[in-house]
Amino acid sequence: AFDRNNNGTVDAAEWQAVLGDIGPEGEGTKRYIFNRVDKLADSDGKLSAEDLATAVQLARDILLGGGPSSGLTSGGF
């Protein structure tokens, strides 16, 4: 569902499109999640399946927990 072009990874445009409208701060939140997970992984501008699982969990934590501070810390996942 996330990998719309079936290349085995999810890029920023695919991530943004699939998440849709997630609230008033949604675009910034989607960018934050994608960039944070990509930076902690390999900074290649794409999310692998493992990266995607981390991004989905972070999105859930942020959306249900109230903000980026409830997500990843500097040390890892």
N, C-alpha and C. Protein backbone atom coordinates (compact mmCIF):
# COMPACT_ATOMS: atom_id res chain seq x y z
N ALA A 1 0.82 -1.19 0.00
CA ALA A 1 0.00 0.00 0.00
C ALA A 1 0.87 1.26 0.00
N PHE A 2 2.00 1.24 0.71
CA PHE A 2 2.88 2.41 0.77
C PHE A 2 3.73 2.54 -0.49
N ASP A 3 4.28 1.44 -0.97
CA ASP A 3 5.21 1.44 -2.11
C ASP A 3 4.42 1.43 -3.41
N ARG A 4 3.97 2.58 -3.81
CA ARG A 4 3.07 2.67 -4.96
C ARG A 4 3.73 2.34 -6.30
N ASN A 5 5.04 2.53 -6.41
CA ASN A 5 5.71 2.21 -7.68
C ASN A 5 6.40 0.85 -7.64
N ASN A 6 6.20 0.11 -6.56
CA ASN A 6 6.71 -1.26 -6.42
C ASN A 6 8.21 -1.40 -6.63
N ASN A 7 8.99 -0.43 -6.14
CA ASN A 7 10.44 -0.53 -6.28
C ASN A 7 11.12 -1.07 -5.03
N GLY A 8 10.32 -1.44 -4.03
CA GLY A 8 10.88 -2.05 -2.83
C GLY A 8 11.20 -1.08 -1.70
N THR A 9 11.00 0.22 -1.95
CA THR A 9 11.21 1.24 -0.92
C THR A 9 10.08 2.25 -0.98
N VAL A 10 10.00 3.08 0.05
CA VAL A 10 8.99 4.14 0.10
C VAL A 10 9.73 5.47 0.13
N ASP A 11 9.43 6.33 -0.84
CA ASP A 11 10.06 7.65 -0.85
C ASP A 11 9.14 8.65 -0.13
N ALA A 12 9.61 9.87 0.00
CA ALA A 12 8.87 10.88 0.76
C ALA A 12 7.49 11.15 0.16
N ALA A 13 7.39 11.20 -1.16
CA ALA A 13 6.10 11.46 -1.81
C ALA A 13 5.11 10.33 -1.53
N GLU A 14 5.58 9.09 -1.60
CA GLU A 14 4.70 7.95 -1.30
C GLU A 14 4.24 7.99 0.15
N TRP A 15 5.17 8.28 1.06
CA TRP A 15 4.86 8.38 2.49
C TRP A 15 3.78 9.45 2.73
N GLN A 16 3.98 10.63 2.16
CA GLN A 16 3.04 11.73 2.34
C GLN A 16 1.66 11.38 1.78
N ALA A 17 1.64 10.77 0.59
CA ALA A 17 0.36 10.45 -0.06
C ALA A 17 -0.45 9.42 0.72
N VAL A 18 0.20 8.39 1.19
CA VAL A 18 -0.53 7.32 1.87
C VAL A 18 -1.07 7.78 3.21
N LEU A 19 -0.33 8.60 3.93
CA LEU A 19 -0.81 9.04 5.25
C LEU A 19 -1.99 9.99 5.14
N GLY A 20 -2.10 10.71 4.04
CA GLY A 20 -3.24 11.60 3.87
C GLY A 20 -3.26 12.72 4.90
N ASP A 21 -4.47 13.14 5.27
CA ASP A 21 -4.65 14.25 6.21
C ASP A 21 -4.57 13.72 7.64
N ILE A 22 -3.55 14.16 8.37
CA ILE A 22 -3.40 13.71 9.76
C ILE A 22 -3.51 14.87 10.74
N GLY A 23 -4.18 15.93 10.32
CA GLY A 23 -4.42 17.03 11.24
C GLY A 23 -3.77 18.32 10.82
N PRO A 24 -3.96 19.37 11.64
CA PRO A 24 -3.50 20.70 11.27
C PRO A 24 -1.98 20.83 11.11
N GLU A 25 -1.22 20.04 11.81
CA GLU A 25 0.24 20.06 11.70
C GLU A 25 0.73 18.89 10.86
N GLY A 26 -0.16 18.29 10.11
CA GLY A 26 0.10 17.03 9.42
C GLY A 26 1.28 17.00 8.47
N GLU A 27 1.40 18.01 7.62
CA GLU A 27 2.48 17.99 6.64
C GLU A 27 3.84 18.03 7.33
N GLY A 28 3.97 18.89 8.31
CA GLY A 28 5.22 18.97 9.06
C GLY A 28 5.51 17.70 9.83
N THR A 29 4.47 17.12 10.40
CA THR A 29 4.64 15.87 11.15
C THR A 29 5.07 14.74 10.23
N LYS A 30 4.46 14.64 9.05
CA LYS A 30 4.84 13.60 8.10
C LYS A 30 6.29 13.76 7.66
N ARG A 31 6.70 15.01 7.38
CA ARG A 31 8.09 15.27 6.98
C ARG A 31 9.04 14.92 8.12
N TYR A 32 8.70 15.32 9.35
CA TYR A 32 9.54 15.02 10.51
C TYR A 32 9.76 13.51 10.66
N ILE A 33 8.69 12.76 10.60
CA ILE A 33 8.79 11.31 10.78
C ILE A 33 9.66 10.70 9.69
N PHE A 34 9.39 11.03 8.44
CA PHE A 34 10.16 10.46 7.33
C PHE A 34 11.63 10.80 7.47
N ASN A 35 11.93 12.07 7.68
CA ASN A 35 13.32 12.51 7.77
C ASN A 35 14.03 11.93 8.97
N ARG A 36 13.35 11.84 10.10
CA ARG A 36 13.96 11.29 11.32
C ARG A 36 14.33 9.83 11.13
N VAL A 37 13.41 9.05 10.62
CA VAL A 37 13.68 7.62 10.43
C VAL A 37 14.74 7.42 9.36
N ASP A 38 14.66 8.16 8.25
CA ASP A 38 15.65 8.04 7.19
C ASP A 38 17.04 8.41 7.70
N LYS A 39 17.13 9.47 8.49
CA LYS A 39 18.43 9.90 9.02
C LYS A 39 19.02 8.84 9.94
N LEU A 40 18.20 8.25 10.80
CA LEU A 40 18.70 7.23 11.72
C LEU A 40 19.06 5.93 11.00
N ALA A 41 18.46 5.71 9.83
CA ALA A 41 18.74 4.49 9.08
C ALA A 41 19.99 4.68 8.22
N ASP A 42 19.84 5.37 7.10
CA ASP A 42 20.97 5.49 6.17
C ASP A 42 20.97 6.77 5.34
N SER A 43 20.02 7.64 5.57
CA SER A 43 19.93 8.94 4.87
C SER A 43 19.95 8.82 3.35
N ASP A 44 19.27 7.79 2.83
CA ASP A 44 19.24 7.62 1.38
C ASP A 44 17.98 8.20 0.74
N GLY A 45 17.11 8.82 1.54
CA GLY A 45 15.90 9.41 0.99
C GLY A 45 14.79 8.42 0.73
N LYS A 46 14.97 7.19 1.20
CA LYS A 46 13.97 6.13 1.00
C LYS A 46 13.85 5.34 2.29
N LEU A 47 12.68 4.74 2.50
CA LEU A 47 12.47 3.88 3.65
C LEU A 47 12.36 2.43 3.18
N SER A 48 13.18 1.58 3.76
CA SER A 48 13.08 0.14 3.50
C SER A 48 11.88 -0.39 4.27
N ALA A 49 11.60 -1.67 4.15
CA ALA A 49 10.50 -2.28 4.90
C ALA A 49 10.72 -2.11 6.40
N GLU A 50 11.95 -2.32 6.85
CA GLU A 50 12.26 -2.16 8.28
C GLU A 50 12.12 -0.70 8.71
N ASP A 51 12.62 0.23 7.89
CA ASP A 51 12.48 1.65 8.17
C ASP A 51 11.00 2.04 8.22
N LEU A 52 10.22 1.49 7.30
CA LEU A 52 8.80 1.81 7.23
C LEU A 52 8.08 1.37 8.50
N ALA A 53 8.42 0.20 9.01
CA ALA A 53 7.81 -0.27 10.26
C ALA A 53 8.12 0.70 11.39
N THR A 54 9.35 1.19 11.43
CA THR A 54 9.74 2.16 12.45
C THR A 54 8.97 3.47 12.27
N ALA A 55 8.84 3.92 11.02
CA ALA A 55 8.13 5.17 10.74
C ALA A 55 6.66 5.07 11.12
N VAL A 56 6.04 3.95 10.83
CA VAL A 56 4.63 3.76 11.19
C VAL A 56 4.47 3.78 12.70
N GLN A 57 5.37 3.13 13.42
CA GLN A 57 5.30 3.14 14.88
C GLN A 57 5.51 4.55 15.43
N LEU A 58 6.46 5.28 14.87
CA LEU A 58 6.70 6.65 15.31
C LEU A 58 5.48 7.52 15.03
N ALA A 59 4.87 7.35 13.86
CA ALA A 59 3.66 8.11 13.53
C ALA A 59 2.57 7.82 14.55
N ARG A 60 2.41 6.56 14.88
CA ARG A 60 1.40 6.19 15.87
C ARG A 60 1.71 6.83 17.23
N ASP A 61 2.96 6.75 17.65
CA ASP A 61 3.36 7.33 18.93
C ASP A 61 3.09 8.83 18.96
N ILE A 62 3.44 9.51 17.88
CA ILE A 62 3.26 10.96 17.82
C ILE A 62 1.78 11.31 17.79
N LEU A 63 1.02 10.65 16.94
CA LEU A 63 -0.39 10.99 16.80
C LEU A 63 -1.21 10.64 18.03
N LEU A 64 -0.87 9.56 18.68
CA LEU A 64 -1.61 9.16 19.88
C LEU A 64 -0.99 9.70 21.15
N GLY A 65 0.31 10.03 21.08
CA GLY A 65 1.02 10.46 22.28
C GLY A 65 1.19 11.95 22.41
N GLY A 66 0.95 12.68 21.33
CA GLY A 66 0.95 14.12 21.47
C GLY A 66 2.12 14.89 20.92
N GLY A 67 3.13 14.28 20.33
CA GLY A 67 4.19 15.08 19.73
C GLY A 67 5.47 14.32 19.51
N PRO A 68 6.40 14.92 18.77
CA PRO A 68 7.67 14.26 18.44
C PRO A 68 8.47 13.83 19.65
N SER A 69 8.34 14.53 20.76
CA SER A 69 9.12 14.15 21.94
C SER A 69 8.72 12.79 22.48
N SER A 70 7.54 12.31 22.10
CA SER A 70 7.10 11.00 22.56
C SER A 70 7.60 9.89 21.64
N GLY A 71 8.29 10.26 20.55
CA GLY A 71 8.78 9.28 19.59
C GLY A 71 10.20 8.86 19.85
N LEU A 72 11.01 8.88 18.81
CA LEU A 72 12.38 8.41 18.90
C LEU A 72 13.26 9.35 19.71
N THR A 73 14.18 8.77 20.44
CA THR A 73 15.21 9.55 21.11
C THR A 73 16.46 9.48 20.26
N SER A 74 17.48 10.19 20.66
CA SER A 74 18.69 10.25 19.84
C SER A 74 19.42 8.92 19.75
N GLY A 75 19.16 8.01 20.66
CA GLY A 75 19.91 6.77 20.69
C GLY A 75 19.43 5.69 19.76
N GLY A 76 18.20 5.65 19.37
CA GLY A 76 17.74 4.58 18.51
C GLY A 76 16.24 4.45 18.52
N PHE A 77 15.78 3.25 18.25
CA PHE A 77 14.35 3.05 18.06
C PHE A 77 13.70 2.57 19.32
